[in-house]
Amino acid sequence: RKEFAENTRRNVVHGSDSPENAEKEISFFFST
């Protein structure tokens, strides 16, 4: 974000905030 983001709303990347949410988020977009 320091290198590529414009501001707090246009911040170029998203990342899961916990291992539990990572599982949910991965399965939201990807099949096994």
All heavy atoms as atom14 arrays in JSON, in Angstrom:
{
  "sequence": "RKEFAENTRRNVVHGSDSPENAEKEISFFFST",
  "atom14_mask": [
    [1, 1, 1, 1, 1, 1, 1, 1, 1, 1, 1, 0, 0, 0],
    [1, 1, 1, 1, 1, 1, 1, 1, 1, 0, 0, 0, 0, 0],
    [1, 1, 1, 1, 1, 1, 1, 1, 1, 0, 0, 0, 0, 0],
    [1, 1, 1, 1, 1, 1, 1, 1, 1, 1, 1, 0, 0, 0],
    [1, 1, 1, 1, 1, 0, 0, 0, 0, 0, 0, 0, 0, 0],
    [1, 1, 1, 1, 1, 1, 1, 1, 1, 0, 0, 0, 0, 0],
    [1, 1, 1, 1, 1, 1, 1, 1, 0, 0, 0, 0, 0, 0],
    [1, 1, 1, 1, 1, 1, 1, 0, 0, 0, 0, 0, 0, 0],
    [1, 1, 1, 1, 1, 1, 1, 1, 1, 1, 1, 0, 0, 0],
    [1, 1, 1, 1, 1, 1, 1, 1, 1, 1, 1, 0, 0, 0],
    [1, 1, 1, 1, 1, 1, 1, 1, 0, 0, 0, 0, 0, 0],
    [1, 1, 1, 1, 1, 1, 1, 0, 0, 0, 0, 0, 0, 0],
    [1, 1, 1, 1, 1, 1, 1, 0, 0, 0, 0, 0, 0, 0],
    [1, 1, 1, 1, 1, 1, 1, 1, 1, 1, 0, 0, 0, 0],
    [1, 1, 1, 1, 0, 0, 0, 0, 0, 0, 0, 0, 0, 0],
    [1, 1, 1, 1, 1, 1, 0, 0, 0, 0, 0, 0, 0, 0],
    [1, 1, 1, 1, 1, 1, 1, 1, 0, 0, 0, 0, 0, 0],
    [1, 1, 1, 1, 1, 1, 0, 0, 0, 0, 0, 0, 0, 0],
    [1, 1, 1, 1, 1, 1, 1, 0, 0, 0, 0, 0, 0, 0],
    [1, 1, 1, 1, 1, 1, 1, 1, 1, 0, 0, 0, 0, 0],
    [1, 1, 1, 1, 1, 1, 1, 1, 0, 0, 0, 0, 0, 0],
    [1, 1, 1, 1, 1, 0, 0, 0, 0, 0, 0, 0, 0, 0],
    [1, 1, 1, 1, 1, 1, 1, 1, 1, 0, 0, 0, 0, 0],
    [1, 1, 1, 1, 1, 1, 1, 1, 1, 0, 0, 0, 0, 0],
    [1, 1, 1, 1, 1, 1, 1, 1, 1, 0, 0, 0, 0, 0],
    [1, 1, 1, 1, 1, 1, 1, 1, 0, 0, 0, 0, 0, 0],
    [1, 1, 1, 1, 1, 1, 0, 0, 0, 0, 0, 0, 0, 0],
    [1, 1, 1, 1, 1, 1, 1, 1, 1, 1, 1, 0, 0, 0],
    [1, 1, 1, 1, 1, 1, 1, 1, 1, 1, 1, 0, 0, 0],
    [1, 1, 1, 1, 1, 1, 1, 1, 1, 1, 1, 0, 0, 0],
    [1, 1, 1, 1, 1, 1, 0, 0, 0, 0, 0, 0, 0, 0],
    [1, 1, 1, 1, 1, 1, 1, 0, 0, 0, 0, 0, 0, 0]
  ],
  "atom14_positions": [
    [[0.82, -1.22, 0.0], [0.0, 0.0, 0.0], [0.85, 1.27, 0.0], [0.48, 2.26, -0.62], [-0.97, -0.02, 1.17], [-2.08, -1.04, 0.94], [-3.02, -1.11, 2.1], [-4.17, -1.94, 1.8], [-4.84, -2.63, 2.71], [-4.47, -2.57, 3.99], [-5.88, -3.36, 2.36], [0.0, 0.0, 0.0], [0.0, 0.0, 0.0], [0.0, 0.0, 0.0]],
    [[2.0, 1.25, 0.67], [2.88, 2.42, 0.65], [3.35, 2.69, -0.77], [3.41, 3.83, -1.22], [4.09, 2.19, 1.58], [5.01, 3.37, 1.68], [4.32, 4.51, 2.4], [5.26, 5.63, 2.75], [4.59, 6.66, 3.56], [0.0, 0.0, 0.0], [0.0, 0.0, 0.0], [0.0, 0.0, 0.0], [0.0, 0.0, 0.0], [0.0, 0.0, 0.0]],
    [[3.65, 1.62, -1.49], [4.19, 1.75, -2.83], [3.13, 2.03, -3.9], [3.39, 2.78, -4.84], [4.96, 0.47, -3.2], [5.76, 0.59, -4.47], [6.7, -0.58, -4.69], [7.0, -1.32, -3.72], [7.13, -0.75, -5.83], [0.0, 0.0, 0.0], [0.0, 0.0, 0.0], [0.0, 0.0, 0.0], [0.0, 0.0, 0.0], [0.0, 0.0, 0.0]],
    [[1.92, 1.44, -3.77], [0.97, 1.48, -4.88], [-0.38, 2.13, -4.59], [-1.09, 2.5, -5.52], [0.71, 0.05, -5.39], [1.94, -0.65, -5.86], [2.49, -1.69, -5.13], [2.57, -0.28, -7.04], [3.63, -2.36, -5.55], [3.71, -0.94, -7.48], [4.25, -1.97, -6.74], [0.0, 0.0, 0.0], [0.0, 0.0, 0.0], [0.0, 0.0, 0.0]],
    [[-0.79, 2.28, -3.34], [-2.14, 2.77, -3.03], [-2.25, 4.28, -3.18], [-1.3, 5.01, -2.92], [-2.54, 2.36, -1.62], [0.0, 0.0, 0.0], [0.0, 0.0, 0.0], [0.0, 0.0, 0.0], [0.0, 0.0, 0.0], [0.0, 0.0, 0.0], [0.0, 0.0, 0.0], [0.0, 0.0, 0.0], [0.0, 0.0, 0.0], [0.0, 0.0, 0.0]],
    [[-3.45, 4.72, -3.58], [-3.73, 6.15, -3.72], [-4.19, 6.76, -2.4], [-3.8, 7.85, -2.04], [-4.85, 6.37, -4.75], [-4.48, 6.0, -6.17], [-5.66, 6.16, -7.1], [-6.47, 7.1, -6.93], [-5.8, 5.32, -8.0], [0.0, 0.0, 0.0], [0.0, 0.0, 0.0], [0.0, 0.0, 0.0], [0.0, 0.0, 0.0], [0.0, 0.0, 0.0]],
    [[-5.12, 6.06, -1.72], [-5.7, 6.57, -0.47], [-6.36, 5.41, 0.27], [-6.24, 4.26, -0.17], [-6.69, 7.71, -0.75], [-7.77, 7.31, -1.75], [-8.44, 6.29, -1.59], [-7.95, 8.11, -2.79], [0.0, 0.0, 0.0], [0.0, 0.0, 0.0], [0.0, 0.0, 0.0], [0.0, 0.0, 0.0], [0.0, 0.0, 0.0], [0.0, 0.0, 0.0]],
    [[-7.07, 5.7, 1.36], [-7.65, 4.62, 2.16], [-8.75, 3.86, 1.42], [-8.97, 2.7, 1.7], [-8.23, 5.16, 3.49], [-9.17, 6.17, 3.21], [-7.14, 5.69, 4.38], [0.0, 0.0, 0.0], [0.0, 0.0, 0.0], [0.0, 0.0, 0.0], [0.0, 0.0, 0.0], [0.0, 0.0, 0.0], [0.0, 0.0, 0.0], [0.0, 0.0, 0.0]],
    [[-9.44, 4.5, 0.5], [-10.5, 3.8, -0.26], [-9.97, 3.06, -1.47], [-10.51, 2.04, -1.86], [-11.58, 4.79, -0.68], [-12.34, 5.28, 0.52], [-13.66, 5.84, 0.14], [-14.25, 6.39, 1.36], [-15.52, 6.38, 1.61], [-16.34, 5.89, 0.73], [-15.97, 6.89, 2.72], [0.0, 0.0, 0.0], [0.0, 0.0, 0.0], [0.0, 0.0, 0.0]],
    [[-8.96, 3.59, -2.1], [-8.36, 2.96, -3.28], [-6.98, 2.45, -2.85], [-5.96, 3.05, -3.15], [-8.28, 3.96, -4.44], [-9.67, 4.48, -4.84], [-9.61, 5.45, -6.0], [-9.22, 4.81, -7.23], [-10.02, 4.07, -8.01], [-11.26, 3.87, -7.66], [-9.57, 3.54, -9.12], [0.0, 0.0, 0.0], [0.0, 0.0, 0.0], [0.0, 0.0, 0.0]],
    [[-7.02, 1.31, -2.14], [-5.81, 0.84, -1.47], [-5.25, -0.46, -2.04], [-4.58, -1.21, -1.37], [-6.04, 0.73, 0.04], [-7.16, -0.22, 0.39], [-7.51, -1.11, -0.37], [-7.73, -0.05, 1.56], [0.0, 0.0, 0.0], [0.0, 0.0, 0.0], [0.0, 0.0, 0.0], [0.0, 0.0, 0.0], [0.0, 0.0, 0.0], [0.0, 0.0, 0.0]],
    [[-5.51, -0.74, -3.27], [-4.98, -1.77, -4.17], [-5.09, -3.24, -3.77], [-5.09, -4.09, -4.64], [-3.52, -1.5, -4.64], [-3.41, -0.18, -5.36], [-2.51, -1.6, -3.55], [0.0, 0.0, 0.0], [0.0, 0.0, 0.0], [0.0, 0.0, 0.0], [0.0, 0.0, 0.0], [0.0, 0.0, 0.0], [0.0, 0.0, 0.0], [0.0, 0.0, 0.0]],
    [[-5.16, -3.56, -2.48], [-5.2, -4.97, -2.1], [-6.13, -5.23, -0.92], [-6.4, -4.34, -0.12], [-3.79, -5.51, -1.74], [-2.92, -5.69, -2.97], [-3.1, -4.63, -0.71], [0.0, 0.0, 0.0], [0.0, 0.0, 0.0], [0.0, 0.0, 0.0], [0.0, 0.0, 0.0], [0.0, 0.0, 0.0], [0.0, 0.0, 0.0], [0.0, 0.0, 0.0]],
    [[-6.6, -6.45, -0.86], [-7.38, -6.97, 0.27], [-6.67, -8.21, 0.77], [-6.09, -8.96, -0.01], [-8.79, -7.35, -0.18], [-9.52, -8.22, 0.81], [-10.3, -7.71, 1.81], [-9.56, -9.58, 0.95], [-10.79, -8.71, 2.53], [-10.36, -9.85, 2.03], [0.0, 0.0, 0.0], [0.0, 0.0, 0.0], [0.0, 0.0, 0.0], [0.0, 0.0, 0.0]],
    [[-6.75, -8.44, 2.07], [-6.24, -9.67, 2.66], [-7.12, -10.12, 3.8], [-7.69, -9.28, 4.52], [0.0, 0.0, 0.0], [0.0, 0.0, 0.0], [0.0, 0.0, 0.0], [0.0, 0.0, 0.0], [0.0, 0.0, 0.0], [0.0, 0.0, 0.0], [0.0, 0.0, 0.0], [0.0, 0.0, 0.0], [0.0, 0.0, 0.0], [0.0, 0.0, 0.0]],
    [[-7.27, -11.4, 3.97], [-8.06, -11.95, 5.07], [-7.51, -11.45, 6.4], [-6.31, -11.26, 6.56], [-8.02, -13.47, 5.04], [-8.44, -13.96, 3.79], [0.0, 0.0, 0.0], [0.0, 0.0, 0.0], [0.0, 0.0, 0.0], [0.0, 0.0, 0.0], [0.0, 0.0, 0.0], [0.0, 0.0, 0.0], [0.0, 0.0, 0.0], [0.0, 0.0, 0.0]],
    [[-8.42, -11.3, 7.38], [-7.98, -10.77, 8.68], [-7.8, -11.83, 9.75], [-7.39, -11.51, 10.87], [-8.93, -9.67, 9.16], [-10.35, -10.16, 9.42], [-10.62, -11.38, 9.28], [-11.2, -9.32, 9.77], [0.0, 0.0, 0.0], [0.0, 0.0, 0.0], [0.0, 0.0, 0.0], [0.0, 0.0, 0.0], [0.0, 0.0, 0.0], [0.0, 0.0, 0.0]],
    [[-8.11, -13.08, 9.45], [-7.91, -14.17, 10.4], [-7.88, -15.49, 9.62], [-8.41, -15.56, 8.51], [-9.05, -14.21, 11.43], [-10.26, -14.63, 10.81], [0.0, 0.0, 0.0], [0.0, 0.0, 0.0], [0.0, 0.0, 0.0], [0.0, 0.0, 0.0], [0.0, 0.0, 0.0], [0.0, 0.0, 0.0], [0.0, 0.0, 0.0], [0.0, 0.0, 0.0]],
    [[-7.29, -16.52, 10.18], [-7.3, -17.82, 9.5], [-8.73, -18.33, 9.24], [-9.01, -18.92, 8.2], [-6.54, -18.74, 10.46], [-5.63, -17.81, 11.2], [-6.43, -16.54, 11.38], [0.0, 0.0, 0.0], [0.0, 0.0, 0.0], [0.0, 0.0, 0.0], [0.0, 0.0, 0.0], [0.0, 0.0, 0.0], [0.0, 0.0, 0.0], [0.0, 0.0, 0.0]],
    [[-9.65, -18.07, 10.18], [-11.04, -18.5, 10.0], [-11.7, -17.77, 8.83], [-12.38, -18.39, 8.01], [-11.84, -18.26, 11.29], [-11.34, -19.02, 12.5], [-10.07, -18.45, 13.15], [-9.79, -17.24, 13.01], [-9.33, -19.24, 13.77], [0.0, 0.0, 0.0], [0.0, 0.0, 0.0], [0.0, 0.0, 0.0], [0.0, 0.0, 0.0], [0.0, 0.0, 0.0]],
    [[-11.49, -16.45, 8.76], [-12.05, -15.69, 7.65], [-11.36, -16.04, 6.33], [-11.99, -16.0, 5.28], [-11.98, -14.19, 7.91], [-13.1, -13.73, 8.81], [-14.12, -14.41, 8.97], [-12.91, -12.59, 9.43], [0.0, 0.0, 0.0], [0.0, 0.0, 0.0], [0.0, 0.0, 0.0], [0.0, 0.0, 0.0], [0.0, 0.0, 0.0], [0.0, 0.0, 0.0]],
    [[-10.09, -16.38, 6.39], [-9.38, -16.79, 5.17], [-10.06, -18.01, 4.56], [-10.3, -18.05, 3.35], [-7.91, -17.09, 5.48], [0.0, 0.0, 0.0], [0.0, 0.0, 0.0], [0.0, 0.0, 0.0], [0.0, 0.0, 0.0], [0.0, 0.0, 0.0], [0.0, 0.0, 0.0], [0.0, 0.0, 0.0], [0.0, 0.0, 0.0], [0.0, 0.0, 0.0]],
    [[-10.4, -18.98, 5.39], [-11.1, -20.17, 4.89], [-12.41, -19.81, 4.22], [-12.72, -20.28, 3.13], [-11.39, -21.14, 6.04], [-10.31, -22.15, 6.3], [-10.74, -23.16, 7.36], [-11.86, -23.72, 7.26], [-9.94, -23.38, 8.28], [0.0, 0.0, 0.0], [0.0, 0.0, 0.0], [0.0, 0.0, 0.0], [0.0, 0.0, 0.0], [0.0, 0.0, 0.0]],
    [[-13.19, -18.95, 4.89], [-14.5, -18.52, 4.34], [-14.3, -17.75, 3.03], [-15.03, -17.97, 2.06], [-15.23, -17.64, 5.35], [-15.71, -18.38, 6.57], [-16.35, -17.4, 7.55], [-16.55, -18.06, 8.9], [-16.95, -17.09, 9.92], [0.0, 0.0, 0.0], [0.0, 0.0, 0.0], [0.0, 0.0, 0.0], [0.0, 0.0, 0.0], [0.0, 0.0, 0.0]],
    [[-13.36, -16.83, 3.03], [-13.15, -16.0, 1.84], [-12.62, -16.81, 0.67], [-13.04, -16.6, -0.47], [-12.18, -14.85, 2.18], [-12.78, -13.84, 3.12], [-11.85, -12.7, 3.45], [-10.64, -12.74, 3.11], [-12.33, -11.73, 4.07], [0.0, 0.0, 0.0], [0.0, 0.0, 0.0], [0.0, 0.0, 0.0], [0.0, 0.0, 0.0], [0.0, 0.0, 0.0]],
    [[-11.71, -17.73, 0.93], [-11.19, -18.58, -0.14], [-12.31, -19.4, -0.75], [-12.47, -19.45, -1.97], [-10.04, -19.47, 0.38], [-8.81, -18.61, 0.67], [-9.71, -20.58, -0.63], [-7.73, -19.32, 1.5], [0.0, 0.0, 0.0], [0.0, 0.0, 0.0], [0.0, 0.0, 0.0], [0.0, 0.0, 0.0], [0.0, 0.0, 0.0], [0.0, 0.0, 0.0]],
    [[-13.14, -20.01, 0.1], [-14.23, -20.85, -0.42], [-15.33, -20.02, -1.09], [-16.09, -20.53, -1.9], [-14.82, -21.74, 0.67], [-15.46, -20.97, 1.66], [0.0, 0.0, 0.0], [0.0, 0.0, 0.0], [0.0, 0.0, 0.0], [0.0, 0.0, 0.0], [0.0, 0.0, 0.0], [0.0, 0.0, 0.0], [0.0, 0.0, 0.0], [0.0, 0.0, 0.0]],
    [[-15.4, -18.73, -0.78], [-16.36, -17.84, -1.45], [-16.01, -17.72, -2.94], [-16.89, -17.7, -3.78], [-16.35, -16.45, -0.79], [-17.37, -15.51, -1.35], [-18.64, -15.46, -0.79], [-17.08, -14.67, -2.41], [-19.6, -14.59, -1.3], [-18.03, -13.81, -2.93], [-19.3, -13.76, -2.37], [0.0, 0.0, 0.0], [0.0, 0.0, 0.0], [0.0, 0.0, 0.0]],
    [[-14.72, -17.62, -3.25], [-14.29, -17.39, -4.63], [-13.75, -18.61, -5.36], [-13.72, -18.63, -6.59], [-13.23, -16.29, -4.66], [-13.75, -14.92, -4.42], [-13.42, -14.23, -3.26], [-14.57, -14.28, -5.34], [-13.9, -12.94, -3.02], [-15.06, -13.01, -5.13], [-14.72, -12.33, -3.96], [0.0, 0.0, 0.0], [0.0, 0.0, 0.0], [0.0, 0.0, 0.0]],
    [[-13.28, -19.62, -4.62], [-12.62, -20.76, -5.25], [-13.25, -22.07, -4.82], [-13.53, -22.27, -3.63], [-11.12, -20.8, -4.85], [-10.28, -19.69, -5.41], [-10.11, -18.52, -4.7], [-9.67, -19.82, -6.64], [-9.33, -17.48, -5.2], [-8.89, -18.8, -7.17], [-8.72, -17.62, -6.45], [0.0, 0.0, 0.0], [0.0, 0.0, 0.0], [0.0, 0.0, 0.0]],
    [[-13.41, -22.97, -5.78], [-13.81, -24.35, -5.44], [-12.55, -25.1, -4.99], [-11.43, -24.66, -5.28], [-14.42, -25.04, -6.66], [-13.42, -25.26, -7.65], [0.0, 0.0, 0.0], [0.0, 0.0, 0.0], [0.0, 0.0, 0.0], [0.0, 0.0, 0.0], [0.0, 0.0, 0.0], [0.0, 0.0, 0.0], [0.0, 0.0, 0.0], [0.0, 0.0, 0.0]],
    [[-12.72, -26.22, -4.34], [-11.56, -26.97, -3.87], [-10.69, -27.43, -5.03], [-9.48, -27.54, -4.89], [-11.98, -28.19, -3.01], [-12.91, -28.96, -3.75], [-12.61, -27.74, -1.71], [0.0, 0.0, 0.0], [0.0, 0.0, 0.0], [0.0, 0.0, 0.0], [0.0, 0.0, 0.0], [0.0, 0.0, 0.0], [0.0, 0.0, 0.0], [0.0, 0.0, 0.0]]
  ]
}
